[in-house]
Amino acid sequence: MLKRAERLSREQFAYYGKAGKKLHGEHASINRSHSPTFHASVVVSKKVAKSAVVRNTLRRLVYAQLYALKVTGETGVFIIFLKPGAAAISKAALRVAVAELIERTLKAA
């Protein structure tokens, strides 16, 4: 999990949500903006999973990947939106899908 200072506030979320470069995958979308520091946010709506337990599990899974990205020294603002099919696939498949999307985003920058 990321520290509170590394997660986006509501104001930052609104600003970077409009300003970033967006890439879409089958199970997730990512919005990346350039910044000298690392910030991230994960959005899992009720359309993805009705149960809060499942939504929080998916959110933690993606935050773990973002934490690994932060440890490598990457900077920028990352906002990841999970799509409704994300809860139906296995955790390993979701990790791979999100990792692929992050990698595509880093190559595009």
N, C-alpha and C. Protein backbone atom coordinates (compact mmCIF):
# COMPACT_ATOMS: atom_id res chain seq x y z
N MET A 1 0.85 -1.18 0.00
CA MET A 1 0.00 0.00 0.00
C MET A 1 0.89 1.24 0.00
N LEU A 2 0.41 2.26 -0.63
CA LEU A 2 1.17 3.50 -0.71
C LEU A 2 0.88 4.37 0.51
N LYS A 3 1.82 5.23 0.84
CA LYS A 3 1.61 6.18 1.92
C LYS A 3 0.53 7.17 1.51
N ARG A 4 -0.11 7.78 2.48
CA ARG A 4 -1.17 8.75 2.19
C ARG A 4 -0.64 9.91 1.34
N ALA A 5 0.59 10.32 1.58
CA ALA A 5 1.19 11.41 0.82
C ALA A 5 1.41 11.04 -0.65
N GLU A 6 1.49 9.75 -0.95
CA GLU A 6 1.71 9.29 -2.31
C GLU A 6 0.41 9.01 -3.05
N ARG A 7 -0.72 9.03 -2.34
CA ARG A 7 -2.03 8.86 -2.97
C ARG A 7 -2.57 10.23 -3.34
N LEU A 8 -3.48 10.27 -4.29
CA LEU A 8 -4.00 11.54 -4.78
C LEU A 8 -5.15 12.06 -3.92
N SER A 9 -5.16 13.37 -3.70
CA SER A 9 -6.30 14.01 -3.03
C SER A 9 -7.40 14.19 -4.07
N ARG A 10 -8.57 14.60 -3.64
CA ARG A 10 -9.68 14.83 -4.57
C ARG A 10 -9.34 15.90 -5.60
N GLU A 11 -8.71 16.98 -5.15
CA GLU A 11 -8.35 18.05 -6.07
C GLU A 11 -7.31 17.57 -7.09
N GLN A 12 -6.31 16.86 -6.62
CA GLN A 12 -5.29 16.33 -7.52
C GLN A 12 -5.90 15.33 -8.51
N PHE A 13 -6.82 14.50 -8.01
CA PHE A 13 -7.47 13.51 -8.85
C PHE A 13 -8.23 14.19 -9.99
N ALA A 14 -8.97 15.24 -9.66
CA ALA A 14 -9.74 15.96 -10.68
C ALA A 14 -8.80 16.61 -11.70
N TYR A 15 -7.71 17.19 -11.24
CA TYR A 15 -6.77 17.86 -12.14
C TYR A 15 -6.08 16.86 -13.06
N TYR A 16 -5.46 15.84 -12.48
CA TYR A 16 -4.69 14.88 -13.27
C TYR A 16 -5.59 13.96 -14.08
N GLY A 17 -6.83 13.78 -13.66
CA GLY A 17 -7.76 12.96 -14.42
C GLY A 17 -8.06 13.55 -15.78
N LYS A 18 -8.02 14.86 -15.89
CA LYS A 18 -8.26 15.53 -17.17
C LYS A 18 -6.98 15.71 -17.97
N ALA A 19 -5.84 15.82 -17.30
CA ALA A 19 -4.61 16.24 -17.95
C ALA A 19 -3.77 15.11 -18.52
N GLY A 20 -3.97 13.89 -18.07
CA GLY A 20 -3.04 12.83 -18.41
C GLY A 20 -3.28 12.15 -19.74
N LYS A 21 -2.32 11.29 -20.10
CA LYS A 21 -2.43 10.47 -21.30
C LYS A 21 -3.10 9.16 -20.91
N LYS A 22 -4.11 8.77 -21.65
CA LYS A 22 -4.92 7.61 -21.30
C LYS A 22 -4.61 6.42 -22.22
N LEU A 23 -4.50 5.25 -21.62
CA LEU A 23 -4.36 4.00 -22.36
C LEU A 23 -5.40 3.02 -21.83
N HIS A 24 -5.97 2.24 -22.73
CA HIS A 24 -7.02 1.31 -22.34
C HIS A 24 -6.58 -0.12 -22.61
N GLY A 25 -6.91 -0.98 -21.67
CA GLY A 25 -6.69 -2.41 -21.84
C GLY A 25 -8.02 -3.12 -21.71
N GLU A 26 -7.97 -4.44 -21.74
CA GLU A 26 -9.20 -5.22 -21.66
C GLU A 26 -9.85 -5.14 -20.29
N HIS A 27 -9.05 -5.13 -19.23
CA HIS A 27 -9.59 -5.16 -17.87
C HIS A 27 -9.31 -3.91 -17.06
N ALA A 28 -8.56 -2.97 -17.63
CA ALA A 28 -8.23 -1.75 -16.89
C ALA A 28 -7.87 -0.63 -17.87
N SER A 29 -7.95 0.58 -17.36
CA SER A 29 -7.49 1.76 -18.09
C SER A 29 -6.52 2.50 -17.19
N ILE A 30 -5.58 3.18 -17.80
CA ILE A 30 -4.60 3.92 -17.00
C ILE A 30 -4.49 5.34 -17.55
N ASN A 31 -4.31 6.26 -16.65
CA ASN A 31 -4.13 7.67 -16.98
C ASN A 31 -2.80 8.07 -16.35
N ARG A 32 -1.85 8.52 -17.18
CA ARG A 32 -0.53 8.88 -16.65
C ARG A 32 -0.22 10.33 -16.99
N SER A 33 0.22 11.06 -16.00
CA SER A 33 0.68 12.43 -16.17
C SER A 33 2.11 12.53 -15.67
N HIS A 34 2.84 13.46 -16.22
CA HIS A 34 4.23 13.66 -15.78
C HIS A 34 4.25 14.53 -14.53
N SER A 35 5.13 14.17 -13.61
CA SER A 35 5.30 14.89 -12.36
C SER A 35 6.68 14.54 -11.81
N PRO A 36 7.30 15.46 -11.08
CA PRO A 36 8.62 15.14 -10.52
C PRO A 36 8.55 14.16 -9.35
N THR A 37 7.36 13.92 -8.81
CA THR A 37 7.19 12.98 -7.71
C THR A 37 6.27 11.85 -8.14
N PHE A 38 6.16 10.84 -7.30
CA PHE A 38 5.29 9.69 -7.59
C PHE A 38 3.99 9.83 -6.81
N HIS A 39 2.87 9.76 -7.52
CA HIS A 39 1.54 9.72 -6.91
C HIS A 39 0.71 8.70 -7.68
N ALA A 40 -0.24 8.07 -6.99
CA ALA A 40 -1.07 7.07 -7.67
C ALA A 40 -2.43 6.97 -7.02
N SER A 41 -3.38 6.44 -7.79
CA SER A 41 -4.72 6.20 -7.30
C SER A 41 -5.31 5.04 -8.08
N VAL A 42 -6.17 4.27 -7.42
CA VAL A 42 -6.84 3.14 -8.05
C VAL A 42 -8.33 3.31 -7.84
N VAL A 43 -9.11 3.14 -8.92
CA VAL A 43 -10.55 3.28 -8.86
C VAL A 43 -11.19 1.94 -9.21
N VAL A 44 -12.02 1.44 -8.29
CA VAL A 44 -12.77 0.21 -8.51
C VAL A 44 -14.22 0.53 -8.17
N SER A 45 -15.06 0.64 -9.18
CA SER A 45 -16.45 1.04 -8.95
C SER A 45 -17.32 -0.16 -8.59
N LYS A 46 -18.55 0.13 -8.23
CA LYS A 46 -19.50 -0.93 -7.90
C LYS A 46 -19.90 -1.71 -9.15
N LYS A 47 -19.65 -1.18 -10.32
CA LYS A 47 -19.92 -1.93 -11.54
C LYS A 47 -18.94 -3.09 -11.69
N VAL A 48 -17.77 -2.94 -11.09
CA VAL A 48 -16.76 -4.01 -11.15
C VAL A 48 -17.13 -5.13 -10.20
N ALA A 49 -17.48 -4.78 -8.97
CA ALA A 49 -17.86 -5.78 -7.96
C ALA A 49 -18.79 -5.11 -6.96
N LYS A 50 -19.90 -5.75 -6.68
CA LYS A 50 -20.87 -5.18 -5.75
C LYS A 50 -20.35 -5.22 -4.30
N SER A 51 -19.58 -6.23 -3.98
CA SER A 51 -19.09 -6.42 -2.62
C SER A 51 -17.89 -5.52 -2.34
N ALA A 52 -17.93 -4.81 -1.22
CA ALA A 52 -16.82 -3.95 -0.83
C ALA A 52 -15.56 -4.78 -0.56
N VAL A 53 -15.73 -5.99 -0.06
CA VAL A 53 -14.59 -6.85 0.22
C VAL A 53 -13.83 -7.15 -1.07
N VAL A 54 -14.56 -7.47 -2.12
CA VAL A 54 -13.93 -7.78 -3.41
C VAL A 54 -13.29 -6.53 -4.01
N ARG A 55 -13.98 -5.40 -3.94
CA ARG A 55 -13.42 -4.15 -4.47
C ARG A 55 -12.12 -3.79 -3.75
N ASN A 56 -12.10 -3.91 -2.44
CA ASN A 56 -10.89 -3.58 -1.68
C ASN A 56 -9.76 -4.56 -1.98
N THR A 57 -10.08 -5.83 -2.19
CA THR A 57 -9.07 -6.82 -2.54
C THR A 57 -8.42 -6.47 -3.88
N LEU A 58 -9.26 -6.11 -4.86
CA LEU A 58 -8.74 -5.72 -6.17
C LEU A 58 -7.90 -4.45 -6.07
N ARG A 59 -8.37 -3.51 -5.27
CA ARG A 59 -7.64 -2.24 -5.10
C ARG A 59 -6.26 -2.50 -4.48
N ARG A 60 -6.20 -3.34 -3.47
CA ARG A 60 -4.92 -3.65 -2.82
C ARG A 60 -3.97 -4.37 -3.77
N LEU A 61 -4.52 -5.22 -4.60
CA LEU A 61 -3.71 -5.95 -5.58
C LEU A 61 -3.03 -4.97 -6.54
N VAL A 62 -3.78 -3.98 -7.02
CA VAL A 62 -3.22 -3.00 -7.95
C VAL A 62 -2.26 -2.05 -7.23
N TYR A 63 -2.61 -1.65 -6.00
CA TYR A 63 -1.70 -0.78 -5.24
C TYR A 63 -0.36 -1.47 -5.00
N ALA A 64 -0.36 -2.78 -4.83
CA ALA A 64 0.90 -3.52 -4.63
C ALA A 64 1.78 -3.39 -5.88
N GLN A 65 1.17 -3.44 -7.05
CA GLN A 65 1.95 -3.28 -8.28
C GLN A 65 2.46 -1.85 -8.43
N LEU A 66 1.64 -0.89 -8.03
CA LEU A 66 2.08 0.50 -8.09
C LEU A 66 3.21 0.75 -7.10
N TYR A 67 3.17 0.10 -5.95
CA TYR A 67 4.24 0.24 -4.97
C TYR A 67 5.55 -0.31 -5.55
N ALA A 68 5.47 -1.43 -6.24
CA ALA A 68 6.67 -2.00 -6.87
C ALA A 68 7.22 -1.05 -7.93
N LEU A 69 6.33 -0.36 -8.63
CA LEU A 69 6.75 0.63 -9.62
C LEU A 69 7.45 1.80 -8.95
N LYS A 70 6.93 2.23 -7.80
CA LYS A 70 7.52 3.34 -7.06
C LYS A 70 8.92 2.97 -6.56
N VAL A 71 9.09 1.74 -6.13
CA VAL A 71 10.38 1.28 -5.61
C VAL A 71 11.45 1.33 -6.69
N THR A 72 11.05 1.14 -7.94
CA THR A 72 12.03 1.19 -9.03
C THR A 72 12.49 2.61 -9.34
N GLY A 73 11.83 3.61 -8.74
CA GLY A 73 12.25 4.99 -8.92
C GLY A 73 11.48 5.74 -9.99
N GLU A 74 10.41 5.17 -10.46
CA GLU A 74 9.59 5.82 -11.49
C GLU A 74 8.85 7.01 -10.89
N THR A 75 8.72 8.09 -11.65
CA THR A 75 7.98 9.25 -11.19
C THR A 75 6.80 9.50 -12.12
N GLY A 76 5.84 10.25 -11.63
CA GLY A 76 4.66 10.57 -12.42
C GLY A 76 3.41 10.33 -11.60
N VAL A 77 2.28 10.61 -12.21
CA VAL A 77 0.99 10.39 -11.57
C VAL A 77 0.27 9.30 -12.34
N PHE A 78 -0.12 8.24 -11.65
CA PHE A 78 -0.78 7.10 -12.26
C PHE A 78 -2.18 6.95 -11.66
N ILE A 79 -3.20 6.92 -12.50
CA ILE A 79 -4.57 6.65 -12.06
C ILE A 79 -5.03 5.42 -12.84
N ILE A 80 -5.39 4.37 -12.12
CA ILE A 80 -5.82 3.13 -12.76
C ILE A 80 -7.30 2.90 -12.46
N PHE A 81 -8.07 2.69 -13.51
CA PHE A 81 -9.49 2.38 -13.41
C PHE A 81 -9.68 0.93 -13.81
N LEU A 82 -10.27 0.12 -12.92
CA LEU A 82 -10.57 -1.26 -13.28
C LEU A 82 -11.91 -1.31 -13.98
N LYS A 83 -12.02 -2.19 -14.96
CA LYS A 83 -13.25 -2.34 -15.74
C LYS A 83 -14.07 -3.50 -15.17
N PRO A 84 -15.37 -3.57 -15.53
CA PRO A 84 -16.25 -4.59 -14.95
C PRO A 84 -15.78 -6.03 -15.08
N GLY A 85 -15.03 -6.39 -16.09
CA GLY A 85 -14.56 -7.77 -16.22
C GLY A 85 -13.41 -8.12 -15.30
N ALA A 86 -12.87 -7.15 -14.59
CA ALA A 86 -11.68 -7.39 -13.76
C ALA A 86 -11.95 -8.34 -12.59
N ALA A 87 -13.15 -8.32 -12.05
CA ALA A 87 -13.46 -9.19 -10.90
C ALA A 87 -13.67 -10.63 -11.34
N ALA A 88 -13.97 -10.85 -12.61
CA ALA A 88 -14.27 -12.20 -13.10
C ALA A 88 -13.02 -13.02 -13.39
N ILE A 89 -11.88 -12.37 -13.58
CA ILE A 89 -10.66 -13.11 -13.91
C ILE A 89 -9.87 -13.41 -12.63
N SER A 90 -8.89 -14.28 -12.75
CA SER A 90 -8.09 -14.64 -11.58
C SER A 90 -7.17 -13.49 -11.18
N LYS A 91 -6.67 -13.55 -9.96
CA LYS A 91 -5.77 -12.50 -9.48
C LYS A 91 -4.49 -12.46 -10.29
N ALA A 92 -3.98 -13.62 -10.66
CA ALA A 92 -2.75 -13.67 -11.45
C ALA A 92 -2.96 -13.04 -12.82
N ALA A 93 -4.10 -13.31 -13.45
CA ALA A 93 -4.39 -12.73 -14.76
C ALA A 93 -4.56 -11.22 -14.65
N LEU A 94 -5.17 -10.76 -13.57
CA LEU A 94 -5.33 -9.32 -13.37
C LEU A 94 -3.97 -8.65 -13.16
N ARG A 95 -3.10 -9.30 -12.39
CA ARG A 95 -1.74 -8.75 -12.20
C ARG A 95 -1.03 -8.59 -13.54
N VAL A 96 -1.13 -9.61 -14.37
CA VAL A 96 -0.48 -9.57 -15.68
C VAL A 96 -1.08 -8.46 -16.54
N ALA A 97 -2.41 -8.33 -16.54
CA ALA A 97 -3.07 -7.31 -17.35
C ALA A 97 -2.66 -5.90 -16.91
N VAL A 98 -2.61 -5.67 -15.61
CA VAL A 98 -2.23 -4.35 -15.11
C VAL A 98 -0.75 -4.09 -15.36
N ALA A 99 0.08 -5.09 -15.17
CA ALA A 99 1.52 -4.93 -15.42
C ALA A 99 1.78 -4.61 -16.88
N GLU A 100 1.06 -5.26 -17.79
CA GLU A 100 1.19 -4.98 -19.22
C GLU A 100 0.81 -3.54 -19.53
N LEU A 101 -0.29 -3.10 -18.92
CA LEU A 101 -0.78 -1.75 -19.16
C LEU A 101 0.21 -0.71 -18.63
N ILE A 102 0.78 -0.96 -17.46
CA ILE A 102 1.77 -0.04 -16.90
C ILE A 102 3.01 0.00 -17.80
N GLU A 103 3.43 -1.16 -18.27
CA GLU A 103 4.60 -1.22 -19.14
C GLU A 103 4.37 -0.47 -20.45
N ARG A 104 3.17 -0.61 -21.04
CA ARG A 104 2.84 0.13 -22.25
C ARG A 104 2.85 1.64 -22.00
N THR A 105 2.38 2.03 -20.82
CA THR A 105 2.36 3.45 -20.48
C THR A 105 3.78 4.00 -20.35
N LEU A 106 4.66 3.23 -19.72
CA LEU A 106 6.03 3.69 -19.54
C LEU A 106 6.77 3.76 -20.88
N LYS A 107 6.49 2.86 -21.80
CA LYS A 107 7.13 2.90 -23.11
C LYS A 107 6.63 4.08 -23.93
N ALA A 108 5.37 4.44 -23.75
CA ALA A 108 4.78 5.54 -24.52
C ALA A 108 5.30 6.89 -24.06
N ALA A 109 5.82 6.96 -22.84
CA ALA A 109 6.28 8.25 -22.29
C ALA A 109 7.60 8.68 -22.84
